[in-house]
Amino acid sequence: MSHPARFTHENIALNIDGVRLDLAVIHRSGPKAPILFLHGFGSTKEDYADITLQRAFDGHPFIAYDAPGCGETACTDLSRIDIPFLVKTAQSVLKHFGVEQFHLVGHSMGGLTGLMLAHGEPERVLSFVDIEGNIAPEDCFLSRQIHDHRRDDDARFFHDFIERTRLASDPASALYAASLGHKVRIGAVRGIFESMVALSDNGGLMDKFLALPFPRQYMFGVSNAHLSYLEHICAEGVQLACIADCGHFPMYSNPVLMWQHIKSLQDRA
């Protein structure tokens, strides 16, 4: 039995500062404002594929892709991948599809990438849903392990990282850990993690986030409701979205509520 295609799945060739990418993308067209989705470390574009099953988003074009170093995307030099490289990738994707203005959704690593993208071109962004993206040093509970659990061998570090994640108490951690070895290239891990830590510690991320001139939402799982800055960013006009029965991965633990909160912010734009 055949089914109508929910989206287009294709690869596009990009060149980012001399590094060739064969970028795996899913997307669809539509008459409304487009949405750019940026997945987190160890995840893929498919985190957002079910937007096509959410009637509230009917008519919205969307783009989601596997970040360099992740999923089905091929990259000729994994050592070059860091957050600035991922920002340039996002800019190239938007240019490829001719997108001028867009809603932005980013999770974790993708949230940090989205923040830096939005900071550089705020006039293009209609709204920004930041799903536990880095905005303060305390947000590096995954990436800071590159320093706290040092290994000379990157493969050994990643193996140990996966095992620690598998046993973590955060909801959906074991599910997330189960596919990490398949979704992430070992050669990309160090550059991504070190870049995330450096920006979180010294990049002025909180000031950048609060200065964004469009509707912003910070989404977090209830198990992370202890984050020290939540009251502060709420007072500064950021919409808070607390996801019940959830930790760092709302797309796995409570996707229905995740989609509802994303739509609520985009309706404000």
C-alpha atoms as a PDB file:
ATOM      1  CA  MET A   1       0.000   0.000   0.000  1.00  0.00           C
ATOM      2  CA  SER A   2       1.474   3.335  -1.051  1.00  0.00           C
ATOM      3  CA  HIS A   3       1.254   6.494   1.028  1.00  0.00           C
ATOM      4  CA  PRO A   4       1.602  10.121  -0.026  1.00  0.00           C
ATOM      5  CA  ALA A   5       5.005  11.575   0.798  1.00  0.00           C
ATOM      6  CA  ARG A   6       5.020  13.607   4.009  1.00  0.00           C
ATOM      7  CA  PHE A   7       8.162  15.469   2.976  1.00  0.00           C
ATOM      8  CA  THR A   8      11.033  15.427   0.515  1.00  0.00           C
ATOM      9  CA  HIS A   9      14.194  13.577   1.585  1.00  0.00           C
ATOM     10  CA  GLU A  10      17.297  14.493  -0.381  1.00  0.00           C
ATOM     11  CA  ASN A  11      20.988  15.298  -0.167  1.00  0.00           C
ATOM     12  CA  ILE A  12      22.430  18.670  -1.124  1.00  0.00           C
ATOM     13  CA  ALA A  13      26.072  19.485  -1.836  1.00  0.00           C
ATOM     14  CA  LEU A  14      27.544  22.388   0.137  1.00  0.00           C
ATOM     15  CA  ASN A  15      31.026  23.812   0.554  1.00  0.00           C
ATOM     16  CA  ILE A  16      31.735  25.488   3.900  1.00  0.00           C
ATOM     17  CA  ASP A  17      35.148  27.191   3.964  1.00  0.00           C
ATOM     18  CA  GLY A  18      36.615  24.495   1.725  1.00  0.00           C
ATOM     19  CA  VAL A  19      34.986  21.575   3.555  1.00  0.00           C
ATOM     20  CA  ARG A  20      32.631  19.623   1.305  1.00  0.00           C
ATOM     21  CA  LEU A  21      29.337  18.438   2.727  1.00  0.00           C
ATOM     22  CA  ASP A  22      26.781  16.009   1.357  1.00  0.00           C
ATOM     23  CA  LEU A  23      23.982  17.247   3.587  1.00  0.00           C
ATOM     24  CA  ALA A  24      20.990  14.994   4.277  1.00  0.00           C
ATOM     25  CA  VAL A  25      17.825  17.107   4.387  1.00  0.00           C
ATOM     26  CA  ILE A  26      14.085  16.672   4.824  1.00  0.00           C
ATOM     27  CA  HIS A  27      11.787  19.514   3.821  1.00  0.00           C
ATOM     28  CA  ARG A  28       8.412  20.466   2.441  1.00  0.00           C
ATOM     29  CA  SER A  29       6.951  23.547   0.788  1.00  0.00           C
ATOM     30  CA  GLY A  30       3.898  25.576   1.733  1.00  0.00           C
ATOM     31  CA  PRO A  31       2.374  29.063   1.721  1.00  0.00           C
ATOM     32  CA  LYS A  32       3.087  30.043   5.330  1.00  0.00           C
ATOM     33  CA  ALA A  33       6.259  31.147   7.119  1.00  0.00           C
ATOM     34  CA  PRO A  34       8.961  28.449   6.988  1.00  0.00           C
ATOM     35  CA  ILE A  35      10.441  26.746  10.050  1.00  0.00           C
ATOM     36  CA  LEU A  36      14.107  25.797  10.392  1.00  0.00           C
ATOM     37  CA  PHE A  37      14.806  22.937  12.815  1.00  0.00           C
ATOM     38  CA  LEU A  38      18.282  22.334  14.270  1.00  0.00           C
ATOM     39  CA  HIS A  39      18.732  19.045  16.124  1.00  0.00           C
ATOM     40  CA  GLY A  40      20.942  18.418  19.136  1.00  0.00           C
ATOM     41  CA  PHE A  41      24.182  16.484  19.508  1.00  0.00           C
ATOM     42  CA  GLY A  42      23.560  12.804  18.875  1.00  0.00           C
ATOM     43  CA  SER A  43      20.186  13.371  17.256  1.00  0.00           C
ATOM     44  CA  THR A  44      19.065  13.732  13.641  1.00  0.00           C
ATOM     45  CA  LYS A  45      16.637  15.566  11.410  1.00  0.00           C
ATOM     46  CA  GLU A  46      14.003  12.906  12.080  1.00  0.00           C
ATOM     47  CA  ASP A  47      13.436  14.396  15.543  1.00  0.00           C
ATOM     48  CA  TYR A  48      11.181  16.867  13.741  1.00  0.00           C
ATOM     49  CA  ALA A  49       9.709  14.794  10.906  1.00  0.00           C
ATOM     50  CA  ASP A  50       6.400  14.370  12.706  1.00  0.00           C
ATOM     51  CA  ILE A  51       5.567  18.023  12.245  1.00  0.00           C
ATOM     52  CA  THR A  52       3.753  16.662   9.202  1.00  0.00           C
ATOM     53  CA  LEU A  53       1.351  14.829  11.543  1.00  0.00           C
ATOM     54  CA  GLN A  54       0.549  17.975  13.518  1.00  0.00           C
ATOM     55  CA  ARG A  55      -2.458  19.651  11.884  1.00  0.00           C
ATOM     56  CA  ALA A  56      -1.667  22.937  13.621  1.00  0.00           C
ATOM     57  CA  PHE A  57       1.367  23.285  11.335  1.00  0.00           C
ATOM     58  CA  ASP A  58      -0.449  22.597   8.065  1.00  0.00           C
ATOM     59  CA  GLY A  59       0.804  24.957   5.376  1.00  0.00           C
ATOM     60  CA  HIS A  60       4.133  25.690   7.047  1.00  0.00           C
ATOM     61  CA  PRO A  61       7.206  24.816   5.012  1.00  0.00           C
ATOM     62  CA  PHE A  62       9.989  23.312   7.079  1.00  0.00           C
ATOM     63  CA  ILE A  63      13.627  22.338   6.754  1.00  0.00           C
ATOM     64  CA  ALA A  64      15.509  19.893   8.969  1.00  0.00           C
ATOM     65  CA  TYR A  65      18.895  18.384   8.220  1.00  0.00           C
ATOM     66  CA  ASP A  66      21.564  16.195   9.748  1.00  0.00           C
ATOM     67  CA  ALA A  67      24.262  18.500  11.087  1.00  0.00           C
ATOM     68  CA  PRO A  68      27.806  17.815   9.861  1.00  0.00           C
ATOM     69  CA  GLY A  69      29.225  14.935  11.881  1.00  0.00           C
ATOM     70  CA  CYS A  70      25.766  13.474  12.490  1.00  0.00           C
ATOM     71  CA  GLY A  71      23.249  11.189  10.837  1.00  0.00           C
ATOM     72  CA  GLU A  72      23.398  10.671   7.073  1.00  0.00           C
ATOM     73  CA  THR A  73      25.421  13.796   6.311  1.00  0.00           C
ATOM     74  CA  ALA A  74      28.938  13.257   4.934  1.00  0.00           C
ATOM     75  CA  CYS A  75      31.759  15.702   5.699  1.00  0.00           C
ATOM     76  CA  THR A  76      35.269  15.675   4.215  1.00  0.00           C
ATOM     77  CA  ASP A  77      36.977  17.098   7.336  1.00  0.00           C
ATOM     78  CA  LEU A  78      35.328  16.257  10.658  1.00  0.00           C
ATOM     79  CA  SER A  79      38.015  18.101  12.616  1.00  0.00           C
ATOM     80  CA  ARG A  80      36.719  21.437  11.284  1.00  0.00           C
ATOM     81  CA  ILE A  81      33.290  21.057  12.842  1.00  0.00           C
ATOM     82  CA  ASP A  82      32.445  23.416  15.692  1.00  0.00           C
ATOM     83  CA  ILE A  83      29.579  25.777  16.487  1.00  0.00           C
ATOM     84  CA  PRO A  84      30.697  28.550  14.083  1.00  0.00           C
ATOM     85  CA  PHE A  85      30.959  25.909  11.338  1.00  0.00           C
ATOM     86  CA  LEU A  86      27.433  24.716  12.143  1.00  0.00           C
ATOM     87  CA  VAL A  87      26.157  28.303  11.959  1.00  0.00           C
ATOM     88  CA  LYS A  88      27.690  28.683   8.495  1.00  0.00           C
ATOM     89  CA  THR A  89      26.051  25.410   7.502  1.00  0.00           C
ATOM     90  CA  ALA A  90      22.646  26.727   8.575  1.00  0.00           C
ATOM     91  CA  GLN A  91      23.217  29.939   6.620  1.00  0.00           C
ATOM     92  CA  SER A  92      24.126  27.936   3.522  1.00  0.00           C
ATOM     93  CA  VAL A  93      21.014  25.770   3.858  1.00  0.00           C
ATOM     94  CA  LEU A  94      18.794  28.845   4.103  1.00  0.00           C
ATOM     95  CA  LYS A  95      20.481  30.308   1.029  1.00  0.00           C
ATOM     96  CA  HIS A  96      20.087  27.040  -0.891  1.00  0.00           C
ATOM     97  CA  PHE A  97      16.335  27.014  -0.289  1.00  0.00           C
ATOM     98  CA  GLY A  98      15.898  30.758  -0.824  1.00  0.00           C
ATOM     99  CA  VAL A  99      14.573  31.396   2.680  1.00  0.00           C
ATOM    100  CA  GLU A 100      14.603  35.029   3.819  1.00  0.00           C
ATOM    101  CA  GLN A 101      12.640  34.990   7.100  1.00  0.00           C
ATOM    102  CA  PHE A 102      11.840  31.966   9.215  1.00  0.00           C
ATOM    103  CA  HIS A 103      10.782  30.566  12.559  1.00  0.00           C
ATOM    104  CA  LEU A 104      13.691  28.898  14.360  1.00  0.00           C
ATOM    105  CA  VAL A 105      13.646  25.818  16.609  1.00  0.00           C
ATOM    106  CA  GLY A 106      16.844  24.371  18.064  1.00  0.00           C
ATOM    107  CA  HIS A 107      17.554  21.690  20.646  1.00  0.00           C
ATOM    108  CA  SER A 108      20.711  21.563  22.798  1.00  0.00           C
ATOM    109  CA  MET A 109      23.628  21.912  20.338  1.00  0.00           C
ATOM    110  CA  GLY A 110      21.069  23.084  17.796  1.00  0.00           C
ATOM    111  CA  GLY A 111      19.763  25.625  20.282  1.00  0.00           C
ATOM    112  CA  LEU A 112      23.248  27.093  20.653  1.00  0.00           C
ATOM    113  CA  THR A 113      23.730  27.063  16.886  1.00  0.00           C
ATOM    114  CA  GLY A 114      20.368  28.774  16.517  1.00  0.00           C
ATOM    115  CA  LEU A 115      21.246  31.414  19.090  1.00  0.00           C
ATOM    116  CA  MET A 116      24.450  32.335  17.271  1.00  0.00           C
ATOM    117  CA  LEU A 117      22.602  32.344  13.937  1.00  0.00           C
ATOM    118  CA  ALA A 118      19.854  34.587  15.313  1.00  0.00           C
ATOM    119  CA  HIS A 119      22.353  36.899  17.010  1.00  0.00           C
ATOM    120  CA  GLY A 120      24.119  37.448  13.700  1.00  0.00           C
ATOM    121  CA  GLU A 121      20.968  38.007  11.616  1.00  0.00           C
ATOM    122  CA  PRO A 122      18.109  38.929  13.978  1.00  0.00           C
ATOM    123  CA  GLU A 123      16.080  40.636  11.261  1.00  0.00           C
ATOM    124  CA  ARG A 124      15.531  37.284   9.537  1.00  0.00           C
ATOM    125  CA  VAL A 125      14.140  35.386  12.526  1.00  0.00           C
ATOM    126  CA  LEU A 126      10.405  35.500  13.289  1.00  0.00           C
ATOM    127  CA  SER A 127      10.561  33.515  16.541  1.00  0.00           C
ATOM    128  CA  PHE A 128      12.985  31.237  18.376  1.00  0.00           C
ATOM    129  CA  VAL A 129      12.144  28.147  20.412  1.00  0.00           C
ATOM    130  CA  ASP A 130      15.286  27.205  22.330  1.00  0.00           C
ATOM    131  CA  ILE A 131      14.920  23.646  23.665  1.00  0.00           C
ATOM    132  CA  GLU A 132      17.488  23.436  26.459  1.00  0.00           C
ATOM    133  CA  GLY A 133      20.094  25.113  24.297  1.00  0.00           C
ATOM    134  CA  ASN A 134      23.196  26.505  25.962  1.00  0.00           C
ATOM    135  CA  ILE A 135      22.790  30.010  27.370  1.00  0.00           C
ATOM    136  CA  ALA A 136      24.897  29.659  30.557  1.00  0.00           C
ATOM    137  CA  PRO A 137      27.888  27.637  31.823  1.00  0.00           C
ATOM    138  CA  GLU A 138      25.610  25.288  33.776  1.00  0.00           C
ATOM    139  CA  ASP A 139      24.112  24.018  30.508  1.00  0.00           C
ATOM    140  CA  CYS A 140      27.242  22.016  29.606  1.00  0.00           C
ATOM    141  CA  PHE A 141      26.266  18.877  31.512  1.00  0.00           C
ATOM    142  CA  LEU A 142      26.936  16.781  28.407  1.00  0.00           C
ATOM    143  CA  SER A 143      29.590  18.734  26.522  1.00  0.00           C
ATOM    144  CA  ARG A 144      31.751  19.563  29.555  1.00  0.00           C
ATOM    145  CA  GLN A 145      32.502  15.874  29.905  1.00  0.00           C
ATOM    146  CA  ILE A 146      35.182  16.410  27.243  1.00  0.00           C
ATOM    147  CA  HIS A 147      37.140  18.153  30.033  1.00  0.00           C
ATOM    148  CA  ASP A 148      35.799  16.427  33.150  1.00  0.00           C
ATOM    149  CA  HIS A 149      36.398  12.916  31.772  1.00  0.00           C
ATOM    150  CA  ARG A 150      39.510  13.460  29.684  1.00  0.00           C
ATOM    151  CA  ARG A 151      40.776  10.699  27.421  1.00  0.00           C
ATOM    152  CA  ASP A 152      43.681  10.895  25.009  1.00  0.00           C
ATOM    153  CA  ASP A 153      41.789   8.619  22.652  1.00  0.00           C
ATOM    154  CA  ASP A 154      38.599  10.136  21.197  1.00  0.00           C
ATOM    155  CA  ALA A 155      37.070   6.735  20.499  1.00  0.00           C
ATOM    156  CA  ARG A 156      37.523   5.724  24.125  1.00  0.00           C
ATOM    157  CA  PHE A 157      36.065   9.005  25.342  1.00  0.00           C
ATOM    158  CA  PHE A 158      32.989   8.561  23.176  1.00  0.00           C
ATOM    159  CA  HIS A 159      32.514   4.956  24.288  1.00  0.00           C
ATOM    160  CA  ASP A 160      32.642   6.019  27.933  1.00  0.00           C
ATOM    161  CA  PHE A 161      30.355   8.987  27.239  1.00  0.00           C
ATOM    162  CA  ILE A 162      27.750   6.669  25.758  1.00  0.00           C
ATOM    163  CA  GLU A 163      27.906   4.347  28.765  1.00  0.00           C
ATOM    164  CA  ARG A 164      27.555   7.222  31.245  1.00  0.00           C
ATOM    165  CA  THR A 165      24.601   8.542  29.282  1.00  0.00           C
ATOM    166  CA  ARG A 166      22.966   5.117  29.118  1.00  0.00           C
ATOM    167  CA  LEU A 167      22.958   4.884  32.929  1.00  0.00           C
ATOM    168  CA  ALA A 168      21.953   8.497  33.620  1.00  0.00           C
ATOM    169  CA  SER A 169      18.703   9.123  35.477  1.00  0.00           C
ATOM    170  CA  ASP A 170      17.440  11.789  33.066  1.00  0.00           C
ATOM    171  CA  PRO A 171      14.312  10.593  31.203  1.00  0.00           C
ATOM    172  CA  ALA A 172      15.026   9.081  27.761  1.00  0.00           C
ATOM    173  CA  SER A 173      18.797   8.987  28.388  1.00  0.00           C
ATOM    174  CA  ALA A 174      19.031   5.253  27.697  1.00  0.00           C
ATOM    175  CA  LEU A 175      17.003   5.619  24.508  1.00  0.00           C
ATOM    176  CA  TYR A 176      19.238   8.483  23.392  1.00  0.00           C
ATOM    177  CA  ALA A 177      22.417   6.573  24.250  1.00  0.00           C
ATOM    178  CA  ALA A 178      21.335   3.485  22.309  1.00  0.00           C
ATOM    179  CA  SER A 179      21.830   5.182  18.932  1.00  0.00           C
ATOM    180  CA  LEU A 180      24.663   7.608  19.693  1.00  0.00           C
ATOM    181  CA  GLY A 181      27.306   5.337  18.219  1.00  0.00           C
ATOM    182  CA  HIS A 182      25.361   5.138  14.963  1.00  0.00           C
ATOM    183  CA  LYS A 183      24.416   8.811  14.670  1.00  0.00           C
ATOM    184  CA  VAL A 184      27.678  10.609  15.522  1.00  0.00           C
ATOM    185  CA  ARG A 185      31.123  10.454  13.876  1.00  0.00           C
ATOM    186  CA  ILE A 186      33.824  10.134  16.520  1.00  0.00           C
ATOM    187  CA  GLY A 187      36.001  12.683  14.734  1.00  0.00           C
ATOM    188  CA  ALA A 188      33.399  15.409  15.238  1.00  0.00           C
ATOM    189  CA  VAL A 189      32.863  15.008  18.982  1.00  0.00           C
ATOM    190  CA  ARG A 190      35.816  16.909  20.413  1.00  0.00           C
ATOM    191  CA  GLY A 191      35.463  19.997  18.231  1.00  0.00           C
ATOM    192  CA  ILE A 192      31.750  20.278  18.917  1.00  0.00           C
ATOM    193  CA  PHE A 193      32.017  19.764  22.666  1.00  0.00           C
ATOM    194  CA  GLU A 194      35.008  22.061  23.177  1.00  0.00           C
ATOM    195  CA  SER A 195      33.303  24.780  21.136  1.00  0.00           C
ATOM    196  CA  MET A 196      30.081  24.463  23.136  1.00  0.00           C
ATOM    197  CA  VAL A 197      31.942  24.754  26.432  1.00  0.00           C
ATOM    198  CA  ALA A 198      34.023  27.729  25.285  1.00  0.00           C
ATOM    199  CA  LEU A 199      30.962  29.644  24.116  1.00  0.00           C
ATOM    200  CA  SER A 200      28.951  28.767  27.218  1.00  0.00           C
ATOM    201  CA  ASP A 201      31.737  29.953  29.517  1.00  0.00           C
ATOM    202  CA  ASN A 202      32.957  32.996  27.620  1.00  0.00           C
ATOM    203  CA  GLY A 203      30.570  33.789  24.759  1.00  0.00           C
ATOM    204  CA  GLY A 204      28.116  36.081  26.541  1.00  0.00           C
ATOM    205  CA  LEU A 205      25.269  33.787  25.540  1.00  0.00           C
ATOM    206  CA  MET A 206      22.764  35.031  28.105  1.00  0.00           C
ATOM    207  CA  ASP A 207      23.144  38.634  26.930  1.00  0.00           C
ATOM    208  CA  LYS A 208      22.815  37.522  23.320  1.00  0.00           C
ATOM    209  CA  PHE A 209      19.660  35.521  24.063  1.00  0.00           C
ATOM    210  CA  LEU A 210      17.955  38.278  26.032  1.00  0.00           C
ATOM    211  CA  ALA A 211      18.793  40.893  23.388  1.00  0.00           C
ATOM    212  CA  LEU A 212      16.984  39.054  20.588  1.00  0.00           C
ATOM    213  CA  PRO A 213      14.166  41.329  19.336  1.00  0.00           C
ATOM    214  CA  PHE A 214      11.505  38.710  18.490  1.00  0.00           C
ATOM    215  CA  PRO A 215       9.368  36.239  20.501  1.00  0.00           C
ATOM    216  CA  ARG A 216      11.555  33.731  22.355  1.00  0.00           C
ATOM    217  CA  GLN A 217      10.707  30.591  24.260  1.00  0.00           C
ATOM    218  CA  TYR A 218      12.946  28.510  26.477  1.00  0.00           C
ATOM    219  CA  MET A 219      11.682  24.929  26.649  1.00  0.00           C
ATOM    220  CA  PHE A 220      12.930  22.570  29.352  1.00  0.00           C
ATOM    221  CA  GLY A 221      12.009  19.256  30.902  1.00  0.00           C
ATOM    222  CA  VAL A 222      10.548  19.299  34.392  1.00  0.00           C
ATOM    223  CA  SER A 223      13.576  17.404  35.691  1.00  0.00           C
ATOM    224  CA  ASN A 224      15.655  20.462  34.738  1.00  0.00           C
ATOM    225  CA  ALA A 225      13.368  23.003  36.399  1.00  0.00           C
ATOM    226  CA  HIS A 226      16.227  23.717  38.817  1.00  0.00           C
ATOM    227  CA  LEU A 227      18.151  25.758  36.218  1.00  0.00           C
ATOM    228  CA  SER A 228      19.217  28.902  38.031  1.00  0.00           C
ATOM    229  CA  TYR A 229      18.342  31.414  35.323  1.00  0.00           C
ATOM    230  CA  LEU A 230      14.725  30.475  34.567  1.00  0.00           C
ATOM    231  CA  GLU A 231      13.135  33.139  36.757  1.00  0.00           C
ATOM    232  CA  HIS A 232      15.492  35.767  35.354  1.00  0.00           C
ATOM    233  CA  ILE A 233      14.815  35.075  31.686  1.00  0.00           C
ATOM    234  CA  CYS A 234      11.074  34.921  32.358  1.00  0.00           C
ATOM    235  CA  ALA A 235      11.254  38.392  33.925  1.00  0.00           C
ATOM    236  CA  GLU A 236      13.057  39.551  30.771  1.00  0.00           C
ATOM    237  CA  GLY A 237      10.150  38.494  28.557  1.00  0.00           C
ATOM    238  CA  VAL A 238      11.151  34.975  27.540  1.00  0.00           C
ATOM    239  CA  GLN A 239       8.238  32.530  27.439  1.00  0.00           C
ATOM    240  CA  LEU A 240       8.983  29.467  29.564  1.00  0.00           C
ATOM    241  CA  ALA A 241       7.701  26.057  28.458  1.00  0.00           C
ATOM    242  CA  CYS A 242       8.078  23.340  31.093  1.00  0.00           C
ATOM    243  CA  ILE A 243       7.510  19.857  29.670  1.00  0.00           C
ATOM    244  CA  ALA A 244       6.010  17.323  32.071  1.00  0.00           C
ATOM    245  CA  ASP A 245       7.420  13.787  32.381  1.00  0.00           C
ATOM    246  CA  CYS A 246      10.555  14.923  30.572  1.00  0.00           C
ATOM    247  CA  GLY A 247      14.241  15.705  30.903  1.00  0.00           C
ATOM    248  CA  HIS A 248      16.536  16.932  28.127  1.00  0.00           C
ATOM    249  CA  PHE A 249      14.643  15.240  25.286  1.00  0.00           C
ATOM    250  CA  PRO A 250      11.024  16.423  24.886  1.00  0.00           C
ATOM    251  CA  MET A 251      10.876  15.014  21.358  1.00  0.00           C
ATOM    252  CA  TYR A 252      11.259  11.538  22.903  1.00  0.00           C
ATOM    253  CA  SER A 253       9.513  11.903  26.263  1.00  0.00           C
ATOM    254  CA  ASN A 254       6.552  14.199  25.532  1.00  0.00           C
ATOM    255  CA  PRO A 255       6.382  15.201  21.864  1.00  0.00           C
ATOM    256  CA  VAL A 256       2.696  16.178  21.941  1.00  0.00           C
ATOM    257  CA  LEU A 257       3.330  18.881  24.525  1.00  0.00           C
ATOM    258  CA  MET A 258       6.518  19.935  22.733  1.00  0.00           C
ATOM    259  CA  TRP A 259       4.620  20.618  19.522  1.00  0.00           C
ATOM    260  CA  GLN A 260       1.886  22.500  21.371  1.00  0.00           C
ATOM    261  CA  HIS A 261       4.389  24.844  22.983  1.00  0.00           C
ATOM    262  CA  ILE A 262       6.264  25.424  19.724  1.00  0.00           C
ATOM    263  CA  LYS A 263       3.001  26.432  18.059  1.00  0.00           C
ATOM    264  CA  SER A 264       2.015  28.719  20.923  1.00  0.00           C
ATOM    265  CA  LEU A 265       5.162  30.794  20.469  1.00  0.00           C
ATOM    266  CA  GLN A 266       5.000  30.915  16.690  1.00  0.00           C
ATOM    267  CA  ASP A 267       1.430  32.182  16.910  1.00  0.00           C
ATOM    268  CA  ARG A 268       2.776  35.245  18.751  1.00  0.00           C
ATOM    269  CA  ALA A 269       5.125  36.224  15.945  1.00  0.00           C
END
